[in-house]
């Protein structure tokens, strides 16, 4: 774990530099020397801040620590849940880098620190657009009745639970890389899945798989089921979080795969909440990302940069494509050029 890697702790934040101070940076691209004001960076995790082994390099930590010391603010903006993201943030803190905000579950939950003290936790909730488990349970029950071969996974209050071994088998067969990275340490919980779902306060996302129904057919029918339950809740004057049913970004060959989540789950939404809380403008944000779930914040932020090995969708929208990959310190290199540093450390 990168949290255990040894590195020289950065010196404490200078009290003479206000968190609200603007930092004028040289533009990162183009032949001119125009400037823009950057006061915060948004950091995707997988494929961006983290290298291929899941670690954060020392040079990246050093550059971000210097950025914070000079008055900038760092936000983790990820599709990962709160538990994983908090572990990352604590590990970075141990290495001298203070993370000010967490935009997790693709913007479904936004947390800040409860004080400006260095050791404060990220338990100040700014925003939550996640549905509760009780609202999803009837939907799961109807899907299961109509399509008995369907299997489910859900992020319940930051913990991922799997409904059956069928889910594991389908992922292992059609996407072994994803299985080894994300599911190898998990077990199906067929008896506990529904009770845990009903008791969960925050469902970041729910994925539905089916071995014989296409993704489009599955999406169409699940969307109809979701609409029926939403209409019923409206008639009964119940408040429900509007849900989106979309094709899953997890590619599983012929297996039908869809994701159900709040319509407001987007990193852009989460970052906009933080910007309002902190009195910042979108043009003052620099976003780092590499994949489809980063596109919203790429459109929103003043500047966006992706690594050389990013997905094509990210490259097509980023302000700049770095010549370096996430394994080569592209974030540090970008900050060095952006901030006009001759070296990454003082």
C-alpha atoms as a PDB file:
ATOM      1  CA  UNK A   1       0.000   0.000   0.000  1.00  0.00           C
ATOM      2  CA  UNK A   2       1.241   3.448  -0.877  1.00  0.00           C
ATOM      3  CA  UNK A   3       0.166   4.578   2.589  1.00  0.00           C
ATOM      4  CA  UNK A   4       3.066   2.605   4.044  1.00  0.00           C
ATOM      5  CA  UNK A   5       5.703   3.919   1.676  1.00  0.00           C
ATOM      6  CA  UNK A   6       8.288   6.034   3.405  1.00  0.00           C
ATOM      7  CA  UNK A   7       8.945   9.560   2.239  1.00  0.00           C
ATOM      8  CA  UNK A   8      10.073  12.782   3.836  1.00  0.00           C
ATOM      9  CA  UNK A   9       7.111  14.524   5.437  1.00  0.00           C
ATOM     10  CA  UNK A  10       6.398  17.907   3.954  1.00  0.00           C
ATOM     11  CA  UNK A  11       6.687  20.894   6.243  1.00  0.00           C
ATOM     12  CA  UNK A  12       3.483  22.233   7.758  1.00  0.00           C
ATOM     13  CA  UNK A  13       1.265  24.576   5.788  1.00  0.00           C
ATOM     14  CA  UNK A  14       2.555  28.110   6.003  1.00  0.00           C
ATOM     15  CA  UNK A  15       0.266  30.158   8.192  1.00  0.00           C
ATOM     16  CA  UNK A  16       1.143  33.244   6.196  1.00  0.00           C
ATOM     17  CA  UNK A  17      -0.615  31.892   3.094  1.00  0.00           C
ATOM     18  CA  UNK A  18      -4.368  32.116   3.268  1.00  0.00           C
ATOM     19  CA  UNK A  19      -6.465  29.281   1.872  1.00  0.00           C
ATOM     20  CA  UNK A  20      -8.459  31.894   0.004  1.00  0.00           C
ATOM     21  CA  UNK A  21      -5.452  33.396  -1.782  1.00  0.00           C
ATOM     22  CA  UNK A  22      -5.430  33.054  -5.569  1.00  0.00           C
ATOM     23  CA  UNK A  23      -2.325  31.641  -7.227  1.00  0.00           C
ATOM     24  CA  UNK A  24      -1.560  32.870 -10.704  1.00  0.00           C
ATOM     25  CA  UNK A  25      -0.170  30.062 -12.840  1.00  0.00           C
ATOM     26  CA  UNK A  26       1.213  30.025 -16.386  1.00  0.00           C
ATOM     27  CA  UNK A  27      -1.045  28.329 -18.896  1.00  0.00           C
ATOM     28  CA  UNK A  28      -0.160  24.709 -19.597  1.00  0.00           C
ATOM     29  CA  UNK A  29      -0.584  24.627 -23.335  1.00  0.00           C
ATOM     30  CA  UNK A  30      -0.320  26.815 -26.370  1.00  0.00           C
ATOM     31  CA  UNK A  31       2.494  29.007 -27.559  1.00  0.00           C
ATOM     32  CA  UNK A  32       1.421  32.097 -25.636  1.00  0.00           C
ATOM     33  CA  UNK A  33       2.104  32.902 -21.997  1.00  0.00           C
ATOM     34  CA  UNK A  34      -1.464  33.617 -20.953  1.00  0.00           C
ATOM     35  CA  UNK A  35      -2.319  32.872 -17.354  1.00  0.00           C
ATOM     36  CA  UNK A  36      -5.209  31.379 -15.449  1.00  0.00           C
ATOM     37  CA  UNK A  37      -5.980  31.272 -11.756  1.00  0.00           C
ATOM     38  CA  UNK A  38      -5.874  27.788 -10.205  1.00  0.00           C
ATOM     39  CA  UNK A  39      -6.758  27.351  -6.574  1.00  0.00           C
ATOM     40  CA  UNK A  40      -7.811  23.701  -6.446  1.00  0.00           C
ATOM     41  CA  UNK A  41      -7.023  20.401  -8.135  1.00  0.00           C
ATOM     42  CA  UNK A  42      -9.494  17.535  -8.531  1.00  0.00           C
ATOM     43  CA  UNK A  43      -7.812  14.127  -8.562  1.00  0.00           C
ATOM     44  CA  UNK A  44      -9.301  10.969  -9.974  1.00  0.00           C
ATOM     45  CA  UNK A  45      -7.787   7.870  -8.349  1.00  0.00           C
ATOM     46  CA  UNK A  46      -7.601   4.756 -10.551  1.00  0.00           C
ATOM     47  CA  UNK A  47      -5.497   5.381 -13.643  1.00  0.00           C
ATOM     48  CA  UNK A  48      -4.711   8.946 -12.592  1.00  0.00           C
ATOM     49  CA  UNK A  49      -3.397   9.695  -9.111  1.00  0.00           C
ATOM     50  CA  UNK A  50      -2.621   5.997  -8.586  1.00  0.00           C
ATOM     51  CA  UNK A  51      -0.247   4.097 -10.826  1.00  0.00           C
ATOM     52  CA  UNK A  52      -0.979   0.671 -12.294  1.00  0.00           C
ATOM     53  CA  UNK A  53      -0.075  -0.979  -8.973  1.00  0.00           C
ATOM     54  CA  UNK A  54      -2.435   1.236  -7.018  1.00  0.00           C
ATOM     55  CA  UNK A  55       0.342   3.345  -5.487  1.00  0.00           C
ATOM     56  CA  UNK A  56       0.885   7.100  -5.482  1.00  0.00           C
ATOM     57  CA  UNK A  57       4.442   7.971  -6.449  1.00  0.00           C
ATOM     58  CA  UNK A  58       6.700  10.021  -4.190  1.00  0.00           C
ATOM     59  CA  UNK A  59       7.247  12.664  -6.869  1.00  0.00           C
ATOM     60  CA  UNK A  60       3.483  13.118  -7.238  1.00  0.00           C
ATOM     61  CA  UNK A  61       3.022  13.489  -3.490  1.00  0.00           C
ATOM     62  CA  UNK A  62       5.892  16.000  -3.334  1.00  0.00           C
ATOM     63  CA  UNK A  63       4.407  18.146  -6.116  1.00  0.00           C
ATOM     64  CA  UNK A  64       0.892  18.144  -4.651  1.00  0.00           C
ATOM     65  CA  UNK A  65       2.254  18.899  -1.184  1.00  0.00           C
ATOM     66  CA  UNK A  66       4.083  21.923  -2.567  1.00  0.00           C
ATOM     67  CA  UNK A  67       0.916  23.043  -4.346  1.00  0.00           C
ATOM     68  CA  UNK A  68      -0.989  22.895  -1.041  1.00  0.00           C
ATOM     69  CA  UNK A  69       1.785  24.649   0.823  1.00  0.00           C
ATOM     70  CA  UNK A  70       1.553  27.518  -1.667  1.00  0.00           C
ATOM     71  CA  UNK A  71      -2.159  27.927  -0.978  1.00  0.00           C
ATOM     72  CA  UNK A  72      -3.854  25.374  -3.232  1.00  0.00           C
ATOM     73  CA  UNK A  73      -6.454  22.795  -2.232  1.00  0.00           C
ATOM     74  CA  UNK A  74      -6.652  19.134  -3.203  1.00  0.00           C
ATOM     75  CA  UNK A  75      -9.850  17.148  -3.722  1.00  0.00           C
ATOM     76  CA  UNK A  76     -10.137  13.442  -4.426  1.00  0.00           C
ATOM     77  CA  UNK A  77     -12.828  12.979  -7.105  1.00  0.00           C
ATOM     78  CA  UNK A  78     -13.485   9.307  -7.740  1.00  0.00           C
ATOM     79  CA  UNK A  79     -16.018   6.649  -8.580  1.00  0.00           C
ATOM     80  CA  UNK A  80     -14.777   4.701  -5.577  1.00  0.00           C
ATOM     81  CA  UNK A  81     -16.728   4.634  -2.320  1.00  0.00           C
ATOM     82  CA  UNK A  82     -16.133   6.503   0.909  1.00  0.00           C
ATOM     83  CA  UNK A  83     -14.212   3.743   2.723  1.00  0.00           C
ATOM     84  CA  UNK A  84     -11.608   3.276  -0.006  1.00  0.00           C
ATOM     85  CA  UNK A  85     -11.256   7.011  -0.581  1.00  0.00           C
ATOM     86  CA  UNK A  86     -10.770   7.731   3.122  1.00  0.00           C
ATOM     87  CA  UNK A  87      -8.002   5.132   3.302  1.00  0.00           C
ATOM     88  CA  UNK A  88      -6.274   6.858   0.386  1.00  0.00           C
ATOM     89  CA  UNK A  89      -6.657  10.304   1.979  1.00  0.00           C
ATOM     90  CA  UNK A  90      -5.312   9.108   5.331  1.00  0.00           C
ATOM     91  CA  UNK A  91      -2.365   7.444   3.627  1.00  0.00           C
ATOM     92  CA  UNK A  92      -1.535  10.672   1.824  1.00  0.00           C
ATOM     93  CA  UNK A  93      -1.811  12.594   5.093  1.00  0.00           C
ATOM     94  CA  UNK A  94       0.768  10.263   6.631  1.00  0.00           C
ATOM     95  CA  UNK A  95       3.088  11.240   3.793  1.00  0.00           C
ATOM     96  CA  UNK A  96       2.570  14.975   4.331  1.00  0.00           C
ATOM     97  CA  UNK A  97      -0.199  15.713   1.808  1.00  0.00           C
ATOM     98  CA  UNK A  98      -3.466  17.080   3.172  1.00  0.00           C
ATOM     99  CA  UNK A  99      -6.640  16.341   1.188  1.00  0.00           C
ATOM    100  CA  UNK A 100      -9.346  18.930   1.843  1.00  0.00           C
ATOM    101  CA  UNK A 101     -12.367  17.324   0.197  1.00  0.00           C
ATOM    102  CA  UNK A 102     -13.715  13.984  -0.989  1.00  0.00           C
ATOM    103  CA  UNK A 103     -16.041  13.666  -3.988  1.00  0.00           C
ATOM    104  CA  UNK A 104     -16.811   9.946  -3.940  1.00  0.00           C
ATOM    105  CA  UNK A 105     -19.134   7.566  -5.763  1.00  0.00           C
ATOM    106  CA  UNK A 106     -18.925   9.827  -8.833  1.00  0.00           C
ATOM    107  CA  UNK A 107     -20.315  12.818  -6.977  1.00  0.00           C
ATOM    108  CA  UNK A 108     -23.016  10.934  -5.091  1.00  0.00           C
ATOM    109  CA  UNK A 109     -21.440  11.935  -1.794  1.00  0.00           C
ATOM    110  CA  UNK A 110     -19.343  15.034  -1.033  1.00  0.00           C
ATOM    111  CA  UNK A 111     -17.436  15.413   2.224  1.00  0.00           C
ATOM    112  CA  UNK A 112     -15.197  18.066   3.692  1.00  0.00           C
ATOM    113  CA  UNK A 113     -13.178  18.297   6.863  1.00  0.00           C
ATOM    114  CA  UNK A 114     -14.963  19.416  10.012  1.00  0.00           C
ATOM    115  CA  UNK A 115     -12.208  21.931  10.755  1.00  0.00           C
ATOM    116  CA  UNK A 116      -9.007  23.364   9.305  1.00  0.00           C
ATOM    117  CA  UNK A 117      -6.875  21.403  11.734  1.00  0.00           C
ATOM    118  CA  UNK A 118      -4.413  19.038  10.124  1.00  0.00           C
ATOM    119  CA  UNK A 119      -5.811  15.868  11.716  1.00  0.00           C
ATOM    120  CA  UNK A 120      -9.511  16.556  11.276  1.00  0.00           C
ATOM    121  CA  UNK A 121     -11.619  13.874   9.621  1.00  0.00           C
ATOM    122  CA  UNK A 122     -13.736  14.129   6.477  1.00  0.00           C
ATOM    123  CA  UNK A 123     -17.123  13.951   8.146  1.00  0.00           C
ATOM    124  CA  UNK A 124     -18.653  17.266   7.099  1.00  0.00           C
ATOM    125  CA  UNK A 125     -21.301  16.202   4.576  1.00  0.00           C
ATOM    126  CA  UNK A 126     -21.873  18.828   1.895  1.00  0.00           C
ATOM    127  CA  UNK A 127     -24.026  16.798  -0.456  1.00  0.00           C
ATOM    128  CA  UNK A 128     -25.625  13.371  -0.880  1.00  0.00           C
ATOM    129  CA  UNK A 129     -27.736  12.328  -3.854  1.00  0.00           C
ATOM    130  CA  UNK A 130     -27.783   8.589  -3.152  1.00  0.00           C
ATOM    131  CA  UNK A 131     -31.037   6.662  -2.781  1.00  0.00           C
ATOM    132  CA  UNK A 132     -31.649   4.632   0.347  1.00  0.00           C
ATOM    133  CA  UNK A 133     -31.822   0.850   0.142  1.00  0.00           C
ATOM    134  CA  UNK A 134     -35.534   0.694   0.962  1.00  0.00           C
ATOM    135  CA  UNK A 135     -36.351   2.492  -2.280  1.00  0.00           C
ATOM    136  CA  UNK A 136     -34.320   0.005  -4.334  1.00  0.00           C
ATOM    137  CA  UNK A 137     -35.415  -3.206  -2.614  1.00  0.00           C
ATOM    138  CA  UNK A 138     -38.811  -3.462  -4.409  1.00  0.00           C
ATOM    139  CA  UNK A 139     -37.049  -2.883  -7.732  1.00  0.00           C
ATOM    140  CA  UNK A 140     -34.597  -5.707  -7.038  1.00  0.00           C
ATOM    141  CA  UNK A 141     -37.445  -7.999  -6.008  1.00  0.00           C
ATOM    142  CA  UNK A 142     -39.362  -7.366  -9.230  1.00  0.00           C
ATOM    143  CA  UNK A 143     -36.282  -7.839 -11.396  1.00  0.00           C
ATOM    144  CA  UNK A 144     -35.591 -11.124  -9.621  1.00  0.00           C
ATOM    145  CA  UNK A 145     -39.165 -12.334 -10.173  1.00  0.00           C
ATOM    146  CA  UNK A 146     -39.167 -11.488 -13.862  1.00  0.00           C
ATOM    147  CA  UNK A 147     -35.555 -12.482 -14.555  1.00  0.00           C
ATOM    148  CA  UNK A 148     -34.468 -15.193 -12.086  1.00  0.00           C
ATOM    149  CA  UNK A 149     -30.994 -15.469 -13.661  1.00  0.00           C
ATOM    150  CA  UNK A 150     -30.209 -11.832 -12.840  1.00  0.00           C
ATOM    151  CA  UNK A 151     -27.498 -11.131 -10.273  1.00  0.00           C
ATOM    152  CA  UNK A 152     -26.683  -7.949  -8.419  1.00  0.00           C
ATOM    153  CA  UNK A 153     -23.872  -5.946  -6.824  1.00  0.00           C
ATOM    154  CA  UNK A 154     -24.296  -2.727  -4.890  1.00  0.00           C
ATOM    155  CA  UNK A 155     -22.225  -0.178  -3.021  1.00  0.00           C
ATOM    156  CA  UNK A 156     -24.042  -0.062   0.309  1.00  0.00           C
ATOM    157  CA  UNK A 157     -22.826   2.644   2.660  1.00  0.00           C
ATOM    158  CA  UNK A 158     -19.356   2.324   1.177  1.00  0.00           C
ATOM    159  CA  UNK A 159     -19.201  -1.488   1.160  1.00  0.00           C
ATOM    160  CA  UNK A 160     -19.688  -3.521  -2.025  1.00  0.00           C
ATOM    161  CA  UNK A 161     -21.952  -6.548  -1.622  1.00  0.00           C
ATOM    162  CA  UNK A 162     -22.619  -9.257  -4.209  1.00  0.00           C
ATOM    163  CA  UNK A 163     -25.908 -11.160  -4.379  1.00  0.00           C
ATOM    164  CA  UNK A 164     -24.782 -14.535  -5.762  1.00  0.00           C
ATOM    165  CA  UNK A 165     -21.947 -16.621  -7.184  1.00  0.00           C
ATOM    166  CA  UNK A 166     -23.465 -16.111 -10.667  1.00  0.00           C
ATOM    167  CA  UNK A 167     -22.234 -12.517 -10.563  1.00  0.00           C
ATOM    168  CA  UNK A 168     -18.685 -13.638  -9.834  1.00  0.00           C
ATOM    169  CA  UNK A 169     -18.798 -16.309 -12.534  1.00  0.00           C
ATOM    170  CA  UNK A 170     -19.926 -13.883 -15.231  1.00  0.00           C
ATOM    171  CA  UNK A 171     -17.292 -11.274 -14.374  1.00  0.00           C
ATOM    172  CA  UNK A 172     -14.526 -13.867 -14.077  1.00  0.00           C
ATOM    173  CA  UNK A 173     -15.412 -15.381 -17.452  1.00  0.00           C
ATOM    174  CA  UNK A 174     -15.692 -12.164 -19.434  1.00  0.00           C
ATOM    175  CA  UNK A 175     -13.396  -9.673 -17.653  1.00  0.00           C
ATOM    176  CA  UNK A 176     -10.704 -11.439 -15.672  1.00  0.00           C
ATOM    177  CA  UNK A 177      -8.696  -8.224 -15.206  1.00  0.00           C
ATOM    178  CA  UNK A 178     -11.608  -6.502 -13.463  1.00  0.00           C
ATOM    179  CA  UNK A 179     -12.351  -9.612 -11.414  1.00  0.00           C
ATOM    180  CA  UNK A 180      -8.784  -9.871 -10.129  1.00  0.00           C
ATOM    181  CA  UNK A 181      -8.588  -6.154  -9.361  1.00  0.00           C
ATOM    182  CA  UNK A 182     -11.983  -5.567  -7.796  1.00  0.00           C
ATOM    183  CA  UNK A 183     -13.619  -8.850  -6.759  1.00  0.00           C
ATOM    184  CA  UNK A 184     -10.923 -11.369  -5.884  1.00  0.00           C
ATOM    185  CA  UNK A 185     -11.183 -10.605  -2.154  1.00  0.00           C
ATOM    186  CA  UNK A 186     -14.986 -10.644  -1.999  1.00  0.00           C
ATOM    187  CA  UNK A 187     -17.571 -13.380  -1.503  1.00  0.00           C
ATOM    188  CA  UNK A 188     -21.236 -13.660  -2.508  1.00  0.00           C
ATOM    189  CA  UNK A 189     -23.767 -12.965   0.223  1.00  0.00           C
ATOM    190  CA  UNK A 190     -27.047 -14.471  -1.028  1.00  0.00           C
ATOM    191  CA  UNK A 191     -28.707 -14.521   2.409  1.00  0.00           C
ATOM    192  CA  UNK A 192     -27.525 -11.103   3.558  1.00  0.00           C
ATOM    193  CA  UNK A 193     -27.835  -9.122   0.322  1.00  0.00           C
ATOM    194  CA  UNK A 194     -31.509  -8.106   0.588  1.00  0.00           C
ATOM    195  CA  UNK A 195     -31.540  -7.415   4.361  1.00  0.00           C
ATOM    196  CA  UNK A 196     -28.400  -5.308   4.025  1.00  0.00           C
ATOM    197  CA  UNK A 197     -29.856  -3.498   1.013  1.00  0.00           C
ATOM    198  CA  UNK A 198     -33.046  -2.617   2.877  1.00  0.00           C
ATOM    199  CA  UNK A 199     -31.067  -1.352   5.876  1.00  0.00           C
ATOM    200  CA  UNK A 200     -28.590   0.771   3.913  1.00  0.00           C
ATOM    201  CA  UNK A 201     -28.918   4.528   4.076  1.00  0.00           C
ATOM    202  CA  UNK A 202     -26.833   5.281   0.974  1.00  0.00           C
ATOM    203  CA  UNK A 203     -26.629   3.220  -2.214  1.00  0.00           C
ATOM    204  CA  UNK A 204     -23.967   4.700  -4.462  1.00  0.00           C
ATOM    205  CA  UNK A 205     -24.784   2.357  -7.348  1.00  0.00           C
ATOM    206  CA  UNK A 206     -26.323  -1.003  -8.134  1.00  0.00           C
ATOM    207  CA  UNK A 207     -25.201  -3.183 -11.044  1.00  0.00           C
ATOM    208  CA  UNK A 208     -27.442  -5.803 -12.624  1.00  0.00           C
ATOM    209  CA  UNK A 209     -26.080  -8.647 -14.770  1.00  0.00           C
ATOM    210  CA  UNK A 210     -27.916 -11.224 -16.872  1.00  0.00           C
ATOM    211  CA  UNK A 211     -26.250 -14.057 -18.824  1.00  0.00           C
ATOM    212  CA  UNK A 212     -28.702 -14.286 -21.716  1.00  0.00           C
ATOM    213  CA  UNK A 213     -30.430 -10.907 -22.025  1.00  0.00           C
ATOM    214  CA  UNK A 214     -28.588  -8.171 -23.945  1.00  0.00           C
ATOM    215  CA  UNK A 215     -27.549  -4.968 -22.245  1.00  0.00           C
ATOM    216  CA  UNK A 216     -30.047  -2.917 -24.242  1.00  0.00           C
ATOM    217  CA  UNK A 217     -32.943  -5.269 -23.485  1.00  0.00           C
ATOM    218  CA  UNK A 218     -31.988  -5.365 -19.822  1.00  0.00           C
ATOM    219  CA  UNK A 219     -31.662  -1.578 -19.662  1.00  0.00           C
ATOM    220  CA  UNK A 220     -35.060  -1.079 -21.299  1.00  0.00           C
ATOM    221  CA  UNK A 221     -36.923  -3.410 -18.960  1.00  0.00           C
ATOM    222  CA  UNK A 222     -35.192  -2.275 -15.761  1.00  0.00           C
ATOM    223  CA  UNK A 223     -35.879   1.332 -16.714  1.00  0.00           C
ATOM    224  CA  UNK A 224     -39.587   0.459 -17.083  1.00  0.00           C
ATOM    225  CA  UNK A 225     -39.554  -1.178 -13.643  1.00  0.00           C
ATOM    226  CA  UNK A 226     -37.846   1.846 -12.110  1.00  0.00           C
ATOM    227  CA  UNK A 227     -40.409   4.186 -13.687  1.00  0.00           C
ATOM    228  CA  UNK A 228     -43.308   2.091 -12.365  1.00  0.00           C
ATOM    229  CA  UNK A 229     -41.982   2.205  -8.826  1.00  0.00           C
ATOM    230  CA  UNK A 230     -41.248   5.924  -9.094  1.00  0.00           C
ATOM    231  CA  UNK A 231     -44.825   6.580 -10.213  1.00  0.00           C
ATOM    232  CA  UNK A 232     -46.148   4.482  -7.332  1.00  0.00           C
ATOM    233  CA  UNK A 233     -44.038   6.420  -4.842  1.00  0.00           C
ATOM    234  CA  UNK A 234     -45.298   9.709  -6.296  1.00  0.00           C
ATOM    235  CA  UNK A 235     -48.917   8.610  -5.908  1.00  0.00           C
ATOM    236  CA  UNK A 236     -48.209   7.662  -2.304  1.00  0.00           C
ATOM    237  CA  UNK A 237     -46.519  11.041  -1.723  1.00  0.00           C
ATOM    238  CA  UNK A 238     -43.150   9.425  -1.003  1.00  0.00           C
ATOM    239  CA  UNK A 239     -39.985  11.333  -1.772  1.00  0.00           C
ATOM    240  CA  UNK A 240     -37.626   9.309  -3.960  1.00  0.00           C
ATOM    241  CA  UNK A 241     -34.243  10.094  -5.467  1.00  0.00           C
ATOM    242  CA  UNK A 242     -34.620  10.096  -9.283  1.00  0.00           C
ATOM    243  CA  UNK A 243     -32.732   7.142 -10.747  1.00  0.00           C
ATOM    244  CA  UNK A 244     -30.790   6.661 -13.950  1.00  0.00           C
ATOM    245  CA  UNK A 245     -30.542   3.276 -15.675  1.00  0.00           C
ATOM    246  CA  UNK A 246     -27.570   3.079 -18.020  1.00  0.00           C
ATOM    247  CA  UNK A 247     -25.370   0.561 -19.762  1.00  0.00           C
ATOM    248  CA  UNK A 248     -22.559  -0.399 -17.417  1.00  0.00           C
ATOM    249  CA  UNK A 249     -19.026   0.750 -18.168  1.00  0.00           C
ATOM    250  CA  UNK A 250     -17.973  -2.759 -17.103  1.00  0.00           C
ATOM    251  CA  UNK A 251     -17.604  -4.686 -20.362  1.00  0.00           C
ATOM    252  CA  UNK A 252     -18.666  -8.334 -20.134  1.00  0.00           C
ATOM    253  CA  UNK A 253     -19.030  -9.507 -23.725  1.00  0.00           C
ATOM    254  CA  UNK A 254     -22.529 -10.855 -24.418  1.00  0.00           C
ATOM    255  CA  UNK A 255     -23.601 -10.520 -20.777  1.00  0.00           C
ATOM    256  CA  UNK A 256     -26.231  -7.886 -20.160  1.00  0.00           C
ATOM    257  CA  UNK A 257     -24.822  -5.320 -17.723  1.00  0.00           C
ATOM    258  CA  UNK A 258     -26.531  -2.160 -16.486  1.00  0.00           C
ATOM    259  CA  UNK A 259     -26.045   0.275 -13.618  1.00  0.00           C
ATOM    260  CA  UNK A 260     -28.744   1.957 -11.545  1.00  0.00           C
ATOM    261  CA  UNK A 261     -27.812   5.110  -9.659  1.00  0.00           C
ATOM    262  CA  UNK A 262     -28.973   8.639  -8.906  1.00  0.00           C
ATOM    263  CA  UNK A 263     -29.369  10.888 -11.937  1.00  0.00           C
ATOM    264  CA  UNK A 264     -27.227  13.452 -10.099  1.00  0.00           C
ATOM    265  CA  UNK A 265     -24.194  11.175  -9.728  1.00  0.00           C
ATOM    266  CA  UNK A 266     -21.505  13.099 -11.580  1.00  0.00           C
ATOM    267  CA  UNK A 267     -18.162  14.394 -10.387  1.00  0.00           C
ATOM    268  CA  UNK A 268     -19.129  17.741 -11.884  1.00  0.00           C
ATOM    269  CA  UNK A 269     -22.062  17.985  -9.449  1.00  0.00           C
ATOM    270  CA  UNK A 270     -19.879  17.142  -6.471  1.00  0.00           C
ATOM    271  CA  UNK A 271     -17.161  19.594  -7.409  1.00  0.00           C
ATOM    272  CA  UNK A 272     -19.736  22.331  -7.951  1.00  0.00           C
ATOM    273  CA  UNK A 273     -20.947  21.783  -4.381  1.00  0.00           C
ATOM    274  CA  UNK A 274     -17.391  22.091  -3.050  1.00  0.00           C
ATOM    275  CA  UNK A 275     -16.755  25.198  -5.150  1.00  0.00           C
ATOM    276  CA  UNK A 276     -19.822  26.862  -3.653  1.00  0.00           C
ATOM    277  CA  UNK A 277     -18.852  25.857  -0.109  1.00  0.00           C
ATOM    278  CA  UNK A 278     -15.324  27.186  -0.522  1.00  0.00           C
ATOM    279  CA  UNK A 279     -16.184  30.275  -2.546  1.00  0.00           C
ATOM    280  CA  UNK A 280     -14.323  29.133  -5.657  1.00  0.00           C
ATOM    281  CA  UNK A 281     -15.098  29.423  -9.353  1.00  0.00           C
ATOM    282  CA  UNK A 282     -15.004  26.437 -11.754  1.00  0.00           C
ATOM    283  CA  UNK A 283     -12.365  28.297 -13.762  1.00  0.00           C
ATOM    284  CA  UNK A 284     -10.068  28.036 -10.743  1.00  0.00           C
ATOM    285  CA  UNK A 285     -10.099  24.221 -10.810  1.00  0.00           C
ATOM    286  CA  UNK A 286      -7.604  21.929 -12.521  1.00  0.00           C
ATOM    287  CA  UNK A 287      -9.025  18.431 -13.059  1.00  0.00           C
ATOM    288  CA  UNK A 288      -6.967  15.278 -13.555  1.00  0.00           C
ATOM    289  CA  UNK A 289      -8.693  12.172 -14.935  1.00  0.00           C
ATOM    290  CA  UNK A 290      -8.486   9.359 -17.453  1.00  0.00           C
ATOM    291  CA  UNK A 291     -11.881   7.790 -18.129  1.00  0.00           C
ATOM    292  CA  UNK A 292     -15.535   8.200 -18.995  1.00  0.00           C
ATOM    293  CA  UNK A 293     -16.646   9.166 -15.490  1.00  0.00           C
ATOM    294  CA  UNK A 294     -14.248  12.132 -15.612  1.00  0.00           C
ATOM    295  CA  UNK A 295     -15.914  13.792 -18.599  1.00  0.00           C
ATOM    296  CA  UNK A 296     -18.372  15.791 -16.512  1.00  0.00           C
ATOM    297  CA  UNK A 297     -15.655  17.414 -14.437  1.00  0.00           C
ATOM    298  CA  UNK A 298     -13.531  17.951 -17.570  1.00  0.00           C
ATOM    299  CA  UNK A 299     -16.365  20.023 -19.032  1.00  0.00           C
ATOM    300  CA  UNK A 300     -16.853  21.877 -15.747  1.00  0.00           C
ATOM    301  CA  UNK A 301     -13.292  22.706 -14.679  1.00  0.00           C
ATOM    302  CA  UNK A 302     -11.225  25.567 -16.030  1.00  0.00           C
ATOM    303  CA  UNK A 303      -8.449  23.166 -17.061  1.00  0.00           C
ATOM    304  CA  UNK A 304      -8.329  19.395 -17.468  1.00  0.00           C
ATOM    305  CA  UNK A 305      -5.390  17.069 -18.049  1.00  0.00           C
ATOM    306  CA  UNK A 306      -5.274  13.346 -18.754  1.00  0.00           C
ATOM    307  CA  UNK A 307      -2.296  10.960 -18.909  1.00  0.00           C
ATOM    308  CA  UNK A 308      -0.923   9.613 -22.179  1.00  0.00           C
ATOM    309  CA  UNK A 309      -2.555   6.226 -21.504  1.00  0.00           C
ATOM    310  CA  UNK A 310      -6.041   7.610 -20.808  1.00  0.00           C
ATOM    311  CA  UNK A 311      -9.125   6.358 -22.605  1.00  0.00           C
ATOM    312  CA  UNK A 312      -9.905   8.025 -25.923  1.00  0.00           C
ATOM    313  CA  UNK A 313     -13.060   9.629 -24.512  1.00  0.00           C
ATOM    314  CA  UNK A 314     -10.968  11.478 -21.916  1.00  0.00           C
ATOM    315  CA  UNK A 315      -8.334  12.477 -24.463  1.00  0.00           C
ATOM    316  CA  UNK A 316     -11.003  13.937 -26.728  1.00  0.00           C
ATOM    317  CA  UNK A 317     -12.233  16.320 -24.028  1.00  0.00           C
ATOM    318  CA  UNK A 318      -9.159  17.156 -21.944  1.00  0.00           C
ATOM    319  CA  UNK A 319      -7.576  20.588 -22.223  1.00  0.00           C
ATOM    320  CA  UNK A 320      -4.223  18.855 -22.394  1.00  0.00           C
ATOM    321  CA  UNK A 321      -2.980  15.314 -22.983  1.00  0.00           C
ATOM    322  CA  UNK A 322       0.222  14.772 -21.045  1.00  0.00           C
ATOM    323  CA  UNK A 323       3.112  13.059 -22.851  1.00  0.00           C
ATOM    324  CA  UNK A 324       3.541  11.012 -19.640  1.00  0.00           C
ATOM    325  CA  UNK A 325       1.419   8.166 -18.280  1.00  0.00           C
ATOM    326  CA  UNK A 326       0.028   7.746 -14.773  1.00  0.00           C
ATOM    327  CA  UNK A 327       3.059   5.512 -14.121  1.00  0.00           C
ATOM    328  CA  UNK A 328       5.451   8.327 -15.016  1.00  0.00           C
ATOM    329  CA  UNK A 329       4.378  11.171 -12.747  1.00  0.00           C
ATOM    330  CA  UNK A 330       2.249  13.132 -15.203  1.00  0.00           C
ATOM    331  CA  UNK A 331       0.522  15.061 -12.418  1.00  0.00           C
ATOM    332  CA  UNK A 332       3.832  16.264 -10.987  1.00  0.00           C
ATOM    333  CA  UNK A 333       5.073  17.223 -14.446  1.00  0.00           C
ATOM    334  CA  UNK A 334       1.868  19.152 -15.156  1.00  0.00           C
ATOM    335  CA  UNK A 335       2.059  21.041 -11.879  1.00  0.00           C
ATOM    336  CA  UNK A 336       5.742  21.840 -12.437  1.00  0.00           C
ATOM    337  CA  UNK A 337       5.016  23.427 -15.807  1.00  0.00           C
ATOM    338  CA  UNK A 338       1.779  25.009 -14.657  1.00  0.00           C
ATOM    339  CA  UNK A 339       3.293  26.575 -11.554  1.00  0.00           C
ATOM    340  CA  UNK A 340       6.499  27.669 -13.215  1.00  0.00           C
ATOM    341  CA  UNK A 341       8.651  25.581 -10.884  1.00  0.00           C
ATOM    342  CA  UNK A 342      12.171  24.881 -12.064  1.00  0.00           C
ATOM    343  CA  UNK A 343      12.174  21.771  -9.871  1.00  0.00           C
ATOM    344  CA  UNK A 344       9.479  19.767  -8.135  1.00  0.00           C
ATOM    345  CA  UNK A 345      10.790  20.561  -4.683  1.00  0.00           C
ATOM    346  CA  UNK A 346      12.085  23.782  -3.193  1.00  0.00           C
END
